[in-house]
Every structure is written in C-alpha cells, then in structure tokens.
C-alpha cells in the first residue's frame, strides 16, 4: 500500500459528543470518627493538628479506608467480561478499571476536604480477522445486557484480513442502556464495507453515549487525492449506517475533500 497521502475526516456533528465516563457515588469512601464505629467525623476546629487532637503514635492511628468499586458494579463488569470472552468470533478481551480521585473542600466543613473517586472501566476486545458483522456487533450488545453503568468504554478492533483493512470502534459511556443487535450490527457492517473499499487505508469510529451514530465520529484514511476516488468513498459511506454524516476534512495543502 502506498504511503498515506490524504486523510478524509468524517464527523457526524460540528462537535463530537462524548458521554460522561465517571461514576461519582460508585466509590464508597466514608469518614470514620475515632472510636465511633462509623458515621461522619466531626468537623475539626481551625488549628487542630494530630499533636493536639490525639496520639502521635503511628501504631494507634486509624488508617483511612481505601476506595473500592461498588460490589454490584464490580460483579457487572466481571460478568460482562466473561460473556464477551465466550462470544464466537472474539479472539481476546481484557478489562481495566481505573480510579481518578479528586479532592475539594467539604461544603459543610471548611476545615475538611472530601475526596471523590471517579471510577471508569475500559474493555479492549479484538475479534478474529474473519469475524462477521453480526459477531462483531454482538460484543457491545452483550456488554449492554450485563452492565448498567456509564463509566464503561469499549475499544473494539477487527484486525486486517483477506480483502479488508483493520477497523476500530470506540463505544463511550453507552452501557447504561439497551444496545439493539440491529444497531450494533449495522455499525459493524458499515465498517466492514468501508474496510473492504479500495483506497481506504485507515478506519476508526466512535459511538457516543447516546448510541446515535450521527452524534459520533468516523475517521477514514484514503491513500489517494484523486477526486474520483474520494467520490467513490463518499458513495460507499452513503450505503452504510454512517450515511447521515456531515463531511469535514482537508489535505496537506488545505484543500477540502
């Protein structure tokens, strides 16, 4: 394949919309008063210090409990991973949960800060190169059957195979709703069609939290600057789930495709 010389960027709206991928309230972190057995700790007085308020012996200090993912959500994530790994056409699937804590003053106590834990989960799934659109589309739909949490993202890749290049789809914050097989299969079919289109050299799509394809984005690399080639790629797009796209892009010299 020749070196990529032009990039056609297909964006479905003026600004790509993304869903909220944090899960405030999922983290269960509480303040515990010394010897109280639970509940909120009292608001410390201005100037209080460990030396004034209690023992300085580290062996007697009460450790702040670590942030943990809500058990229900943790079970959902584990169940979704098992279900995806069992799907035909899936080569491998992994999941990583991360926590991005942030700290802000407690509105009810100006001398105390509260840490909020923002958990998110990222699934990375690679199918067989020969996986059918139905098999590829089954991945996000199956995840949605197991999950009810916006803090999950999916990166789904179909490797290059005979007669087609690789394609990647990102589902962002969509997994708190039903994802119909017809919708996810149509997305996979559209990408499979474009991946087999001559002169298409790169293919990447994002489906946002709304599950509306026209609110997401599609980036297509084209290995030719010939207008007839670009017109043909446009015509292929119009026969896929990405037909209602608004096209944006430019060549290296600033010309519009």
Protein backbone atom coordinates (compact mmCIF):
# COMPACT_ATOMS: atom_id res chain seq x y z
CA UNK A 1 0.00 0.00 0.00
CA UNK A 2 1.29 3.42 -0.84
CA UNK A 3 2.13 5.90 1.84
CA UNK A 4 -0.94 7.66 3.18
CA UNK A 5 -1.18 10.99 1.42
CA UNK A 6 -4.60 12.30 2.28
CA UNK A 7 -6.94 11.96 5.21
CA UNK A 8 -10.70 12.22 4.93
CA UNK A 9 -12.29 13.01 8.27
CA UNK A 10 -15.99 12.34 8.53
CA UNK A 11 -17.60 13.98 11.53
CA UNK A 12 -21.25 13.46 12.25
CA UNK A 13 -21.81 16.75 14.07
CA UNK A 14 -19.95 20.00 14.50
CA UNK A 15 -18.52 18.84 17.82
CA UNK A 16 -18.03 15.21 18.74
CA UNK A 17 -20.19 14.45 21.76
CA UNK A 18 -18.96 12.11 24.44
CA UNK A 19 -20.73 10.60 27.39
CA UNK A 20 -19.77 11.11 30.99
CA UNK A 21 -17.38 8.33 31.90
CA UNK A 22 -17.02 9.00 35.60
CA UNK A 23 -19.02 7.25 38.26
CA UNK A 24 -19.44 9.59 41.17
CA UNK A 25 -21.16 7.84 44.01
CA UNK A 26 -19.89 4.47 42.87
CA UNK A 27 -16.87 4.83 45.13
CA UNK A 28 -17.80 4.14 48.72
CA UNK A 29 -15.37 6.19 50.80
CA UNK A 30 -16.57 7.47 54.17
CA UNK A 31 -15.04 9.43 57.01
CA UNK A 32 -14.85 7.41 60.24
CA UNK A 33 -14.57 9.08 63.61
CA UNK A 34 -12.10 7.59 66.06
CA UNK A 35 -13.90 5.05 68.22
CA UNK A 36 -17.30 5.95 66.77
CA UNK A 37 -17.68 2.80 64.70
CA UNK A 38 -18.81 4.77 61.64
CA UNK A 39 -20.54 7.95 60.58
CA UNK A 40 -19.07 11.28 59.58
CA UNK A 41 -16.11 12.52 61.53
CA UNK A 42 -16.64 15.77 63.44
CA UNK A 43 -15.56 18.95 61.73
CA UNK A 44 -12.06 19.75 63.12
CA UNK A 45 -11.50 23.14 64.66
CA UNK A 46 -9.20 25.61 62.96
CA UNK A 47 -5.63 24.94 64.09
CA UNK A 48 -6.28 21.35 65.12
CA UNK A 49 -3.32 19.05 64.48
CA UNK A 50 -2.53 15.40 65.18
CA UNK A 51 -0.39 16.50 68.13
CA UNK A 52 -3.30 18.44 69.70
CA UNK A 53 -6.16 16.14 68.82
CA UNK A 54 -4.80 12.74 69.76
CA UNK A 55 -1.94 10.28 69.90
CA UNK A 56 1.02 10.73 67.61
CA UNK A 57 1.91 7.02 67.82
CA UNK A 58 1.61 5.65 64.24
CA UNK A 59 0.68 2.23 65.60
CA UNK A 60 -2.53 3.66 67.06
CA UNK A 61 -3.53 5.77 64.06
CA UNK A 62 -6.69 4.77 62.19
CA UNK A 63 -5.97 4.26 58.50
CA UNK A 64 -8.31 5.87 56.01
CA UNK A 65 -10.16 3.07 54.19
CA UNK A 66 -9.22 2.65 50.56
CA UNK A 67 -11.71 3.48 47.85
CA UNK A 68 -13.48 0.43 46.45
CA UNK A 69 -15.76 -0.07 43.49
CA UNK A 70 -19.38 -0.72 44.36
CA UNK A 71 -19.74 -4.54 44.62
CA UNK A 72 -22.73 -4.59 42.27
CA UNK A 73 -20.83 -2.70 39.59
CA UNK A 74 -17.77 -4.91 40.08
CA UNK A 75 -19.92 -8.01 39.55
CA UNK A 76 -21.47 -6.49 36.42
CA UNK A 77 -18.05 -5.73 34.95
CA UNK A 78 -16.76 -9.23 35.66
CA UNK A 79 -19.91 -10.79 34.22
CA UNK A 80 -19.66 -8.68 31.05
CA UNK A 81 -16.05 -9.72 30.52
CA UNK A 82 -16.93 -13.42 30.87
CA UNK A 83 -19.84 -13.06 28.45
CA UNK A 84 -17.73 -11.28 25.83
CA UNK A 85 -14.93 -13.84 26.04
CA UNK A 86 -17.48 -16.59 25.37
CA UNK A 87 -18.76 -14.99 22.14
CA UNK A 88 -17.92 -16.60 18.80
CA UNK A 89 -15.50 -14.53 16.76
CA UNK A 90 -13.79 -12.95 19.79
CA UNK A 91 -10.05 -13.57 19.86
CA UNK A 92 -9.22 -11.82 23.14
CA UNK A 93 -10.81 -9.45 25.65
CA UNK A 94 -9.34 -7.62 28.63
CA UNK A 95 -10.71 -5.09 31.12
CA UNK A 96 -9.01 -2.45 33.23
CA UNK A 97 -10.68 -0.45 36.00
CA UNK A 98 -9.07 2.84 36.99
CA UNK A 99 -9.74 5.39 39.72
CA UNK A 100 -9.10 9.11 39.32
CA UNK A 101 -9.69 10.72 42.75
CA UNK A 102 -10.30 14.43 43.11
CA UNK A 103 -10.33 16.50 46.30
CA UNK A 104 -12.42 19.55 47.13
CA UNK A 105 -13.49 21.40 50.31
CA UNK A 106 -16.40 19.90 52.18
CA UNK A 107 -19.29 22.43 51.88
CA UNK A 108 -20.44 21.56 55.39
CA UNK A 109 -16.98 21.84 56.94
CA UNK A 110 -14.49 24.39 55.56
CA UNK A 111 -11.58 22.88 57.51
CA UNK A 112 -12.02 19.46 55.90
CA UNK A 113 -11.54 18.20 52.36
CA UNK A 114 -13.52 15.44 50.72
CA UNK A 115 -12.06 13.02 48.20
CA UNK A 116 -14.35 11.76 45.44
CA UNK A 117 -13.32 8.68 43.50
CA UNK A 118 -14.13 8.60 39.79
CA UNK A 119 -14.02 5.01 38.64
CA UNK A 120 -14.02 4.01 34.99
CA UNK A 121 -13.67 0.71 33.20
CA UNK A 122 -12.10 0.12 29.77
CA UNK A 123 -12.74 -3.03 27.77
CA UNK A 124 -10.37 -3.82 24.90
CA UNK A 125 -11.70 -6.52 22.59
CA UNK A 126 -10.07 -7.92 19.45
CA UNK A 127 -12.09 -10.18 17.19
CA UNK A 128 -10.90 -12.71 14.67
CA UNK A 129 -9.99 -11.10 11.35
CA UNK A 130 -12.73 -13.18 9.74
CA UNK A 131 -15.45 -12.29 12.28
CA UNK A 132 -18.79 -11.47 10.67
CA UNK A 133 -20.54 -8.12 11.30
CA UNK A 134 -23.10 -9.99 13.42
CA UNK A 135 -20.32 -11.45 15.57
CA UNK A 136 -18.64 -8.05 15.91
CA UNK A 137 -21.93 -6.34 16.73
CA UNK A 138 -22.68 -8.92 19.41
CA UNK A 139 -19.83 -7.55 21.55
CA UNK A 140 -21.32 -4.17 22.58
CA UNK A 141 -24.86 -5.57 22.68
CA UNK A 142 -23.78 -8.36 25.04
CA UNK A 143 -21.92 -5.91 27.26
CA UNK A 144 -25.04 -3.75 27.49
CA UNK A 145 -27.03 -6.77 28.65
CA UNK A 146 -24.67 -7.20 31.59
CA UNK A 147 -23.94 -3.57 32.56
CA UNK A 148 -25.89 -0.58 33.80
CA UNK A 149 -23.04 1.91 34.20
CA UNK A 150 -21.97 4.88 32.06
CA UNK A 151 -18.38 4.63 33.30
CA UNK A 152 -17.52 1.88 30.82
CA UNK A 153 -15.78 2.28 27.47
CA UNK A 154 -15.11 -0.30 24.78
CA UNK A 155 -12.38 -0.33 22.15
CA UNK A 156 -13.37 -2.98 19.60
CA UNK A 157 -10.92 -3.91 16.83
CA UNK A 158 -11.33 -6.13 13.81
CA UNK A 159 -7.81 -6.92 12.52
CA UNK A 160 -6.89 -6.72 8.86
CA UNK A 161 -7.74 -9.85 6.91
CA UNK A 162 -8.19 -11.11 3.40
CA UNK A 163 -9.66 -8.28 1.32
CA UNK A 164 -10.04 -5.74 4.12
CA UNK A 165 -8.03 -3.43 6.36
CA UNK A 166 -8.34 -3.24 10.14
CA UNK A 167 -11.07 -1.17 11.76
CA UNK A 168 -11.60 0.08 15.31
CA UNK A 169 -14.79 1.21 17.02
CA UNK A 170 -14.94 3.05 20.34
CA UNK A 171 -18.15 2.84 22.37
CA UNK A 172 -18.04 5.56 25.02
CA UNK A 173 -20.37 5.71 28.03
CA UNK A 174 -23.11 3.73 26.28
CA UNK A 175 -23.50 0.80 28.61
CA UNK A 176 -26.36 2.01 30.78
CA UNK A 177 -28.94 1.23 28.09
CA UNK A 178 -30.05 -1.48 25.69
CA UNK A 179 -27.93 -1.66 22.53
CA UNK A 180 -30.06 -3.44 19.91
CA UNK A 181 -28.25 -6.09 17.89
CA UNK A 182 -29.63 -4.45 14.75
CA UNK A 183 -27.89 -1.17 15.63
CA UNK A 184 -24.51 -2.61 16.61
CA UNK A 185 -24.54 -4.99 13.64
CA UNK A 186 -25.33 -2.11 11.26
CA UNK A 187 -22.32 -0.20 12.63
CA UNK A 188 -20.11 -3.27 12.20
CA UNK A 189 -21.46 -3.91 8.71
CA UNK A 190 -20.80 -0.32 7.68
CA UNK A 191 -17.21 -0.52 8.90
CA UNK A 192 -16.71 -3.89 7.20
CA UNK A 193 -17.95 -2.40 3.92
CA UNK A 194 -15.62 0.58 4.20
CA UNK A 195 -12.71 -1.64 5.30
CA UNK A 196 -13.05 -3.54 2.01
CA UNK A 197 -13.33 -0.38 -0.12
CA UNK A 198 -10.37 0.26 -2.44
CA UNK A 199 -8.06 3.11 -1.39
CA UNK A 200 -9.39 3.18 2.20
CA UNK A 201 -6.23 2.91 4.31
CA UNK A 202 -7.42 3.65 7.84
CA UNK A 203 -10.73 3.32 9.67
CA UNK A 204 -11.75 4.45 13.14
CA UNK A 205 -15.23 5.21 14.53
CA UNK A 206 -16.63 6.46 17.83
CA UNK A 207 -20.17 5.78 19.06
CA UNK A 208 -21.13 8.15 21.91
CA UNK A 209 -23.31 7.74 24.99
CA UNK A 210 -26.49 8.46 23.05
CA UNK A 211 -25.88 5.41 20.80
CA UNK A 212 -26.73 7.73 17.90
CA UNK A 213 -24.31 7.09 15.10
CA UNK A 214 -24.87 10.61 13.74
CA UNK A 215 -23.59 12.07 17.03
CA UNK A 216 -20.37 10.11 16.87
CA UNK A 217 -17.38 10.37 14.55
CA UNK A 218 -15.78 8.46 11.72
CA UNK A 219 -12.21 8.95 10.54
CA UNK A 220 -11.18 7.45 7.21
CA UNK A 221 -7.66 7.44 5.81
CA UNK A 222 -7.55 7.49 1.99
CA UNK A 223 -4.39 6.72 0.04
CA UNK A 224 -5.28 8.89 -2.95
CA UNK A 225 -6.01 12.57 -3.63
CA UNK A 226 -7.93 11.78 -6.80
CA UNK A 227 -11.41 13.30 -6.65
CA UNK A 228 -12.99 10.26 -8.29
CA UNK A 229 -11.59 8.07 -5.51
CA UNK A 230 -12.94 10.40 -2.83
CA UNK A 231 -16.32 10.50 -4.54
CA UNK A 232 -16.43 6.72 -4.54
CA UNK A 233 -15.61 6.60 -0.81
CA UNK A 234 -18.39 9.12 -0.19
CA UNK A 235 -20.83 6.96 -2.14
CA UNK A 236 -19.89 3.91 -0.07
CA UNK A 237 -20.48 5.87 3.16
CA UNK A 238 -23.96 6.71 1.95
CA UNK A 239 -24.78 3.00 1.76
CA UNK A 240 -23.87 2.38 5.40
CA UNK A 241 -25.08 3.26 8.90
CA UNK A 242 -22.94 6.39 8.56
CA UNK A 243 -24.99 7.78 5.68
CA UNK A 244 -26.23 10.88 7.53
CA UNK A 245 -22.77 12.23 8.14
CA UNK A 246 -21.54 15.77 7.67
CA UNK A 247 -18.19 15.59 5.91
CA UNK A 248 -15.22 17.63 7.08
CA UNK A 249 -11.56 17.32 6.26
CA UNK A 250 -8.61 18.69 4.37
CA UNK A 251 -5.45 17.74 2.50
CA UNK A 252 -1.99 18.86 3.41
CA UNK A 253 -2.35 21.91 1.16
CA UNK A 254 -5.59 22.96 2.88
CA UNK A 255 -7.94 21.93 0.08
CA UNK A 256 -11.27 20.49 1.14
CA UNK A 257 -12.17 16.93 0.06
